[in-house]
Amino acid sequence: MQASFHPPDPAAAALPDPGFIDQLRFNEAGLIPAVAQDWLDGAVLMVAWMNREAIERSLASGEVHYWSRSRRELWHKGATSGHIQQLRGLRYDCDADVLLLTIEQRGDVACHTGARSCFYDDGPVPGAGGAAAPPPPADVCTELMRVIEGRRDRPEPGSYTNRLLEGGDNRILKKIGEESAEFVMACKDGDGAEIAGEAADILFHMQVALAHHGVSWRQVQQVLAARRGAPRRG
């Protein structure tokens, strides 16, 4: 039995007018592939199929619906598991035969195995998925934070990151101060390459501080996303 619809999140991005559906190129079975992408880090979470009704229901409810080819019925993602996909954006490609869904995954589990993403395998033997499955590729800042957290949890001899973490706030915050001053000077000099380099240094040391205090990069992304579209400051 399908779960009842939840009203669309008013904070979600405006969804397109359903009129775009007439421009789509469905296959002979009336289906079109849909790629579900995380709204914060851009990770690809899954690929499924949609028909016209699935798209219309997704737009109307704000929660993603797919078409199950095996069961030959409409599929409200997460209706039984609770892993609902809140639809935050939808686009189609230049050939109008593939959809890109920007979604907020409740529970952070998109795969039926319990993994965050269906895309966790890269070896000759398929894995079992689940919560321990490797995370999907994401944006460069998310990947950097994973490396830093890996150093924190599994220290490596000679690692600069580990030296910072071992020094605690005193060493980490001192470096942030130094890198901030260098960033300011690079901006004063107007050298684009230097500005980018110093900004990257600040970001790295800031992420070390976040890892030291147990604050995830995703928490920062969520704060930034919540501020987007917020009332302007006076």
C-alpha atoms as a PDB file:
ATOM      1  CA  MET A   1       0.000   0.000   0.000  1.00  0.00           C
ATOM      2  CA  GLN A   2       1.345   3.426  -0.908  1.00  0.00           C
ATOM      3  CA  ALA A   3       2.003   5.960   1.815  1.00  0.00           C
ATOM      4  CA  SER A   4       0.073   9.215   1.734  1.00  0.00           C
ATOM      5  CA  PHE A   5       1.700  12.224   0.119  1.00  0.00           C
ATOM      6  CA  HIS A   6       3.616  14.730   2.187  1.00  0.00           C
ATOM      7  CA  PRO A   7       3.172  18.358   1.141  1.00  0.00           C
ATOM      8  CA  PRO A   8       6.118  19.793  -0.789  1.00  0.00           C
ATOM      9  CA  ASP A   9       8.782  21.451   1.328  1.00  0.00           C
ATOM     10  CA  PRO A  10       8.253  25.222   0.969  1.00  0.00           C
ATOM     11  CA  ALA A  11      12.040  25.661   1.194  1.00  0.00           C
ATOM     12  CA  ALA A  12      12.600  23.448  -1.842  1.00  0.00           C
ATOM     13  CA  ALA A  13      13.566  25.006  -5.147  1.00  0.00           C
ATOM     14  CA  ALA A  14      10.704  25.870  -7.497  1.00  0.00           C
ATOM     15  CA  LEU A  15       9.858  22.880  -9.666  1.00  0.00           C
ATOM     16  CA  PRO A  16       9.295  23.244 -13.437  1.00  0.00           C
ATOM     17  CA  ASP A  17       5.917  23.633 -15.074  1.00  0.00           C
ATOM     18  CA  PRO A  18       4.569  20.185 -16.085  1.00  0.00           C
ATOM     19  CA  GLY A  19       4.275  21.501 -19.635  1.00  0.00           C
ATOM     20  CA  PHE A  20       7.891  20.468 -20.237  1.00  0.00           C
ATOM     21  CA  ILE A  21       6.773  16.822 -20.253  1.00  0.00           C
ATOM     22  CA  ASP A  22       5.489  17.278 -23.807  1.00  0.00           C
ATOM     23  CA  GLN A  23       9.075  17.929 -24.924  1.00  0.00           C
ATOM     24  CA  LEU A  24      10.414  14.639 -23.562  1.00  0.00           C
ATOM     25  CA  ARG A  25      11.326  11.690 -25.761  1.00  0.00           C
ATOM     26  CA  PHE A  26       9.945   8.585 -24.043  1.00  0.00           C
ATOM     27  CA  ASN A  27      10.977   5.167 -25.337  1.00  0.00           C
ATOM     28  CA  GLU A  28       8.618   2.706 -27.038  1.00  0.00           C
ATOM     29  CA  ALA A  29       7.372   1.608 -23.600  1.00  0.00           C
ATOM     30  CA  GLY A  30       6.549   5.180 -22.622  1.00  0.00           C
ATOM     31  CA  LEU A  31       9.494   5.382 -20.208  1.00  0.00           C
ATOM     32  CA  ILE A  32      12.470   7.684 -19.709  1.00  0.00           C
ATOM     33  CA  PRO A  33      15.564   7.055 -17.515  1.00  0.00           C
ATOM     34  CA  ALA A  34      15.972   9.326 -14.481  1.00  0.00           C
ATOM     35  CA  VAL A  35      19.237   9.975 -12.641  1.00  0.00           C
ATOM     36  CA  ALA A  36      18.794  10.948  -8.967  1.00  0.00           C
ATOM     37  CA  GLN A  37      21.490  13.316  -7.708  1.00  0.00           C
ATOM     38  CA  ASP A  38      22.050  14.514  -4.131  1.00  0.00           C
ATOM     39  CA  TRP A  39      21.074  18.170  -3.748  1.00  0.00           C
ATOM     40  CA  LEU A  40      24.088  19.077  -1.593  1.00  0.00           C
ATOM     41  CA  ASP A  41      27.192  17.246  -2.815  1.00  0.00           C
ATOM     42  CA  GLY A  42      26.102  16.264  -6.329  1.00  0.00           C
ATOM     43  CA  ALA A  43      26.615  12.530  -5.739  1.00  0.00           C
ATOM     44  CA  VAL A  44      24.679  10.235  -8.071  1.00  0.00           C
ATOM     45  CA  LEU A  45      22.475   8.086  -5.852  1.00  0.00           C
ATOM     46  CA  MET A  46      20.492   5.909  -8.266  1.00  0.00           C
ATOM     47  CA  VAL A  47      19.019   5.531 -11.734  1.00  0.00           C
ATOM     48  CA  ALA A  48      15.444   4.411 -12.361  1.00  0.00           C
ATOM     49  CA  TRP A  49      12.646   4.837 -14.877  1.00  0.00           C
ATOM     50  CA  MET A  50       9.724   7.247 -15.019  1.00  0.00           C
ATOM     51  CA  ASN A  51       6.638   7.528 -17.198  1.00  0.00           C
ATOM     52  CA  ARG A  52       4.420  10.565 -17.652  1.00  0.00           C
ATOM     53  CA  GLU A  53       2.313   9.780 -14.575  1.00  0.00           C
ATOM     54  CA  ALA A  54       5.398   9.280 -12.379  1.00  0.00           C
ATOM     55  CA  ILE A  55       6.710  12.685 -13.419  1.00  0.00           C
ATOM     56  CA  GLU A  56       3.345  14.355 -12.872  1.00  0.00           C
ATOM     57  CA  ARG A  57       2.947  12.809  -9.413  1.00  0.00           C
ATOM     58  CA  SER A  58       6.492  13.754  -8.458  1.00  0.00           C
ATOM     59  CA  LEU A  59       5.870  17.381  -9.414  1.00  0.00           C
ATOM     60  CA  ALA A  60       2.466  17.501  -7.718  1.00  0.00           C
ATOM     61  CA  SER A  61       3.541  15.880  -4.450  1.00  0.00           C
ATOM     62  CA  GLY A  62       7.146  17.045  -4.216  1.00  0.00           C
ATOM     63  CA  GLU A  63       8.168  13.425  -3.584  1.00  0.00           C
ATOM     64  CA  VAL A  64       9.738  11.277  -6.300  1.00  0.00           C
ATOM     65  CA  HIS A  65       7.744   8.527  -7.977  1.00  0.00           C
ATOM     66  CA  TYR A  66       9.208   6.052 -10.470  1.00  0.00           C
ATOM     67  CA  TRP A  67       7.857   3.305 -12.687  1.00  0.00           C
ATOM     68  CA  SER A  68       8.797  -0.229 -11.677  1.00  0.00           C
ATOM     69  CA  ARG A  69       9.446  -2.290 -14.803  1.00  0.00           C
ATOM     70  CA  SER A  70       9.509  -5.561 -12.847  1.00  0.00           C
ATOM     71  CA  ARG A  71       6.214  -4.939 -11.033  1.00  0.00           C
ATOM     72  CA  ARG A  72       4.746  -2.857 -13.864  1.00  0.00           C
ATOM     73  CA  GLU A  73       3.330  -0.280 -11.482  1.00  0.00           C
ATOM     74  CA  LEU A  74       3.955   3.193 -10.150  1.00  0.00           C
ATOM     75  CA  TRP A  75       6.541   3.236  -7.351  1.00  0.00           C
ATOM     76  CA  HIS A  76       6.523   5.905  -4.651  1.00  0.00           C
ATOM     77  CA  LYS A  77      10.174   5.851  -3.586  1.00  0.00           C
ATOM     78  CA  GLY A  78      10.449   5.225   0.165  1.00  0.00           C
ATOM     79  CA  ALA A  79       6.760   4.543   0.710  1.00  0.00           C
ATOM     80  CA  THR A  80       7.559   1.389   2.692  1.00  0.00           C
ATOM     81  CA  SER A  81      11.141   2.039   3.828  1.00  0.00           C
ATOM     82  CA  GLY A  82      10.662   5.672   4.800  1.00  0.00           C
ATOM     83  CA  HIS A  83      13.539   6.677   2.522  1.00  0.00           C
ATOM     84  CA  ILE A  84      11.499   9.294   0.692  1.00  0.00           C
ATOM     85  CA  GLN A  85      13.134  11.426  -1.987  1.00  0.00           C
ATOM     86  CA  GLN A  86      12.145  15.079  -1.719  1.00  0.00           C
ATOM     87  CA  LEU A  87      12.280  16.566  -5.220  1.00  0.00           C
ATOM     88  CA  ARG A  88      14.226  19.832  -5.282  1.00  0.00           C
ATOM     89  CA  GLY A  89      14.856  20.221  -8.985  1.00  0.00           C
ATOM     90  CA  LEU A  90      14.343  18.522 -12.336  1.00  0.00           C
ATOM     91  CA  ARG A  91      16.037  18.980 -15.706  1.00  0.00           C
ATOM     92  CA  TYR A  92      16.252  17.062 -18.950  1.00  0.00           C
ATOM     93  CA  ASP A  93      19.257  16.648 -21.239  1.00  0.00           C
ATOM     94  CA  CYS A  94      19.936  18.142 -24.675  1.00  0.00           C
ATOM     95  CA  ASP A  95      18.267  15.162 -26.405  1.00  0.00           C
ATOM     96  CA  ALA A  96      15.283  15.297 -24.028  1.00  0.00           C
ATOM     97  CA  ASP A  97      15.593  11.557 -23.391  1.00  0.00           C
ATOM     98  CA  VAL A  98      17.143  11.520 -19.874  1.00  0.00           C
ATOM     99  CA  LEU A  99      15.996  13.255 -16.685  1.00  0.00           C
ATOM    100  CA  LEU A 100      18.204  14.622 -13.911  1.00  0.00           C
ATOM    101  CA  LEU A 101      16.454  14.775 -10.530  1.00  0.00           C
ATOM    102  CA  THR A 102      17.970  16.870  -7.759  1.00  0.00           C
ATOM    103  CA  ILE A 103      16.748  15.238  -4.571  1.00  0.00           C
ATOM    104  CA  GLU A 104      17.003  15.364  -0.807  1.00  0.00           C
ATOM    105  CA  GLN A 105      17.248  11.741   0.329  1.00  0.00           C
ATOM    106  CA  ARG A 106      15.587  11.148   3.684  1.00  0.00           C
ATOM    107  CA  GLY A 107      17.600   8.773   5.823  1.00  0.00           C
ATOM    108  CA  ASP A 108      20.536   9.202   3.415  1.00  0.00           C
ATOM    109  CA  VAL A 109      19.823   5.743   1.939  1.00  0.00           C
ATOM    110  CA  ALA A 110      18.846   5.452  -1.730  1.00  0.00           C
ATOM    111  CA  CYS A 111      19.879   1.867  -2.537  1.00  0.00           C
ATOM    112  CA  HIS A 112      17.692  -1.139  -1.693  1.00  0.00           C
ATOM    113  CA  THR A 113      20.783  -2.769  -0.101  1.00  0.00           C
ATOM    114  CA  GLY A 114      20.932  -0.026   2.527  1.00  0.00           C
ATOM    115  CA  ALA A 115      23.816   1.809   0.869  1.00  0.00           C
ATOM    116  CA  ARG A 116      23.697   5.547   0.405  1.00  0.00           C
ATOM    117  CA  SER A 117      24.063   5.137  -3.380  1.00  0.00           C
ATOM    118  CA  CYS A 118      23.591   2.290  -5.814  1.00  0.00           C
ATOM    119  CA  PHE A 119      27.012   3.193  -7.272  1.00  0.00           C
ATOM    120  CA  TYR A 120      29.457   1.649  -4.809  1.00  0.00           C
ATOM    121  CA  ASP A 121      31.243  -1.023  -6.867  1.00  0.00           C
ATOM    122  CA  ASP A 122      34.475  -0.527  -8.844  1.00  0.00           C
ATOM    123  CA  GLY A 123      36.083  -3.965  -8.647  1.00  0.00           C
ATOM    124  CA  PRO A 124      35.795  -7.277 -10.530  1.00  0.00           C
ATOM    125  CA  VAL A 125      33.557  -8.826  -7.853  1.00  0.00           C
ATOM    126  CA  PRO A 126      30.272  -7.073  -7.025  1.00  0.00           C
ATOM    127  CA  GLY A 127      29.878  -6.069  -3.393  1.00  0.00           C
ATOM    128  CA  ALA A 128      26.881  -6.580  -1.148  1.00  0.00           C
ATOM    129  CA  GLY A 129      26.202  -2.881  -0.576  1.00  0.00           C
ATOM    130  CA  GLY A 130      24.709  -1.957   2.768  1.00  0.00           C
ATOM    131  CA  ALA A 131      25.696   0.751   5.193  1.00  0.00           C
ATOM    132  CA  ALA A 132      29.396  -0.166   4.946  1.00  0.00           C
ATOM    133  CA  ALA A 133      29.512   0.289   1.160  1.00  0.00           C
ATOM    134  CA  PRO A 134      31.959   2.923  -0.144  1.00  0.00           C
ATOM    135  CA  PRO A 135      30.357   6.332  -0.622  1.00  0.00           C
ATOM    136  CA  PRO A 136      29.704   7.551  -4.173  1.00  0.00           C
ATOM    137  CA  PRO A 137      31.995  10.107  -5.826  1.00  0.00           C
ATOM    138  CA  ALA A 138      31.058  13.665  -4.856  1.00  0.00           C
ATOM    139  CA  ASP A 139      32.294  17.244  -5.201  1.00  0.00           C
ATOM    140  CA  VAL A 140      35.960  17.959  -4.470  1.00  0.00           C
ATOM    141  CA  CYS A 141      35.302  19.584  -1.062  1.00  0.00           C
ATOM    142  CA  THR A 142      33.337  16.557   0.128  1.00  0.00           C
ATOM    143  CA  GLU A 143      36.092  14.239  -1.111  1.00  0.00           C
ATOM    144  CA  LEU A 144      38.734  16.324   0.693  1.00  0.00           C
ATOM    145  CA  MET A 145      36.771  16.131   3.941  1.00  0.00           C
ATOM    146  CA  ARG A 146      36.591  12.344   3.590  1.00  0.00           C
ATOM    147  CA  VAL A 147      40.381  12.192   3.358  1.00  0.00           C
ATOM    148  CA  ILE A 148      40.780  14.416   6.429  1.00  0.00           C
ATOM    149  CA  GLU A 149      38.276  12.384   8.447  1.00  0.00           C
ATOM    150  CA  GLY A 150      40.098   9.233   7.308  1.00  0.00           C
ATOM    151  CA  ARG A 151      43.366  10.619   8.697  1.00  0.00           C
ATOM    152  CA  ARG A 152      41.610  11.501  11.938  1.00  0.00           C
ATOM    153  CA  ASP A 153      40.126   8.020  12.340  1.00  0.00           C
ATOM    154  CA  ARG A 154      43.126   6.098  10.941  1.00  0.00           C
ATOM    155  CA  PRO A 155      46.273   8.168  11.578  1.00  0.00           C
ATOM    156  CA  GLU A 156      49.193   7.773   9.186  1.00  0.00           C
ATOM    157  CA  PRO A 157      52.828   8.343  10.225  1.00  0.00           C
ATOM    158  CA  GLY A 158      54.273  11.539   8.775  1.00  0.00           C
ATOM    159  CA  SER A 159      50.888  12.921   7.742  1.00  0.00           C
ATOM    160  CA  TYR A 160      50.673  16.736   7.862  1.00  0.00           C
ATOM    161  CA  THR A 161      46.961  16.424   8.605  1.00  0.00           C
ATOM    162  CA  ASN A 162      47.695  14.206  11.591  1.00  0.00           C
ATOM    163  CA  ARG A 163      50.286  16.652  12.900  1.00  0.00           C
ATOM    164  CA  LEU A 164      47.642  19.354  12.819  1.00  0.00           C
ATOM    165  CA  LEU A 165      45.076  17.152  14.539  1.00  0.00           C
ATOM    166  CA  GLU A 166      47.562  16.091  17.206  1.00  0.00           C
ATOM    167  CA  GLY A 167      48.262  19.760  17.926  1.00  0.00           C
ATOM    168  CA  GLY A 168      44.580  20.418  18.539  1.00  0.00           C
ATOM    169  CA  ASP A 169      43.018  23.864  18.396  1.00  0.00           C
ATOM    170  CA  ASN A 170      46.250  25.686  19.167  1.00  0.00           C
ATOM    171  CA  ARG A 171      48.019  24.407  16.060  1.00  0.00           C
ATOM    172  CA  ILE A 172      44.979  24.266  13.767  1.00  0.00           C
ATOM    173  CA  LEU A 173      43.633  27.735  14.571  1.00  0.00           C
ATOM    174  CA  LYS A 174      47.092  29.279  14.333  1.00  0.00           C
ATOM    175  CA  LYS A 175      47.370  27.922  10.776  1.00  0.00           C
ATOM    176  CA  ILE A 176      43.911  29.230   9.895  1.00  0.00           C
ATOM    177  CA  GLY A 177      44.996  32.675  11.084  1.00  0.00           C
ATOM    178  CA  GLU A 178      48.198  32.527   9.037  1.00  0.00           C
ATOM    179  CA  GLU A 179      46.431  31.311   5.905  1.00  0.00           C
ATOM    180  CA  SER A 180      43.736  33.971   6.290  1.00  0.00           C
ATOM    181  CA  ALA A 181      46.370  36.704   6.394  1.00  0.00           C
ATOM    182  CA  GLU A 182      48.031  35.270   3.289  1.00  0.00           C
ATOM    183  CA  PHE A 183      44.652  35.181   1.536  1.00  0.00           C
ATOM    184  CA  VAL A 184      44.081  38.846   2.357  1.00  0.00           C
ATOM    185  CA  MET A 185      47.490  39.771   0.965  1.00  0.00           C
ATOM    186  CA  ALA A 186      46.858  37.754  -2.216  1.00  0.00           C
ATOM    187  CA  CYS A 187      43.596  39.650  -2.702  1.00  0.00           C
ATOM    188  CA  LYS A 188      45.425  42.944  -2.184  1.00  0.00           C
ATOM    189  CA  ASP A 189      47.947  41.912  -4.873  1.00  0.00           C
ATOM    190  CA  GLY A 190      45.146  40.967  -7.259  1.00  0.00           C
ATOM    191  CA  ASP A 191      46.790  37.737  -8.426  1.00  0.00           C
ATOM    192  CA  GLY A 192      43.988  35.302  -9.328  1.00  0.00           C
ATOM    193  CA  ALA A 193      46.128  32.174  -9.087  1.00  0.00           C
ATOM    194  CA  GLU A 194      47.505  33.184  -5.673  1.00  0.00           C
ATOM    195  CA  ILE A 195      44.032  34.068  -4.422  1.00  0.00           C
ATOM    196  CA  ALA A 196      42.726  30.643  -5.464  1.00  0.00           C
ATOM    197  CA  GLY A 197      45.701  28.893  -3.856  1.00  0.00           C
ATOM    198  CA  GLU A 198      45.361  30.721  -0.543  1.00  0.00           C
ATOM    199  CA  ALA A 199      41.594  30.160  -0.532  1.00  0.00           C
ATOM    200  CA  ALA A 200      42.239  26.431  -0.972  1.00  0.00           C
ATOM    201  CA  ASP A 201      44.672  26.521   1.971  1.00  0.00           C
ATOM    202  CA  ILE A 202      42.081  28.199   4.187  1.00  0.00           C
ATOM    203  CA  LEU A 203      39.446  25.674   3.172  1.00  0.00           C
ATOM    204  CA  PHE A 204      41.731  22.728   3.922  1.00  0.00           C
ATOM    205  CA  HIS A 205      42.672  24.002   7.389  1.00  0.00           C
ATOM    206  CA  MET A 206      39.069  24.921   8.117  1.00  0.00           C
ATOM    207  CA  GLN A 207      38.006  21.362   7.294  1.00  0.00           C
ATOM    208  CA  VAL A 208      40.707  20.032   9.622  1.00  0.00           C
ATOM    209  CA  ALA A 209      39.177  22.172  12.383  1.00  0.00           C
ATOM    210  CA  LEU A 210      35.716  20.824  11.550  1.00  0.00           C
ATOM    211  CA  ALA A 211      36.988  17.232  11.701  1.00  0.00           C
ATOM    212  CA  HIS A 212      38.745  17.948  14.993  1.00  0.00           C
ATOM    213  CA  HIS A 213      35.457  19.138  16.489  1.00  0.00           C
ATOM    214  CA  GLY A 214      33.354  16.375  14.930  1.00  0.00           C
ATOM    215  CA  VAL A 215      31.419  18.685  12.620  1.00  0.00           C
ATOM    216  CA  SER A 216      30.721  17.197   9.198  1.00  0.00           C
ATOM    217  CA  TRP A 217      31.121  19.021   5.916  1.00  0.00           C
ATOM    218  CA  ARG A 218      27.506  18.150   5.138  1.00  0.00           C
ATOM    219  CA  GLN A 219      26.394  20.209   8.136  1.00  0.00           C
ATOM    220  CA  VAL A 220      28.132  23.200   6.589  1.00  0.00           C
ATOM    221  CA  GLN A 221      26.499  22.492   3.218  1.00  0.00           C
ATOM    222  CA  GLN A 222      23.093  22.309   4.883  1.00  0.00           C
ATOM    223  CA  VAL A 223      23.599  25.696   6.546  1.00  0.00           C
ATOM    224  CA  LEU A 224      24.620  27.251   3.232  1.00  0.00           C
ATOM    225  CA  ALA A 225      21.640  25.689   1.460  1.00  0.00           C
ATOM    226  CA  ALA A 226      19.271  26.957   4.157  1.00  0.00           C
ATOM    227  CA  ARG A 227      20.615  30.476   3.703  1.00  0.00           C
ATOM    228  CA  ARG A 228      20.065  30.449  -0.041  1.00  0.00           C
ATOM    229  CA  GLY A 229      17.017  32.538  -0.779  1.00  0.00           C
ATOM    230  CA  ALA A 230      16.781  33.767   2.811  1.00  0.00           C
ATOM    231  CA  PRO A 231      15.794  37.431   3.415  1.00  0.00           C
ATOM    232  CA  ARG A 232      18.616  39.835   2.618  1.00  0.00           C
ATOM    233  CA  ARG A 233      20.520  41.334   5.472  1.00  0.00           C
ATOM    234  CA  GLY A 234      20.136  45.053   6.100  1.00  0.00           C
END
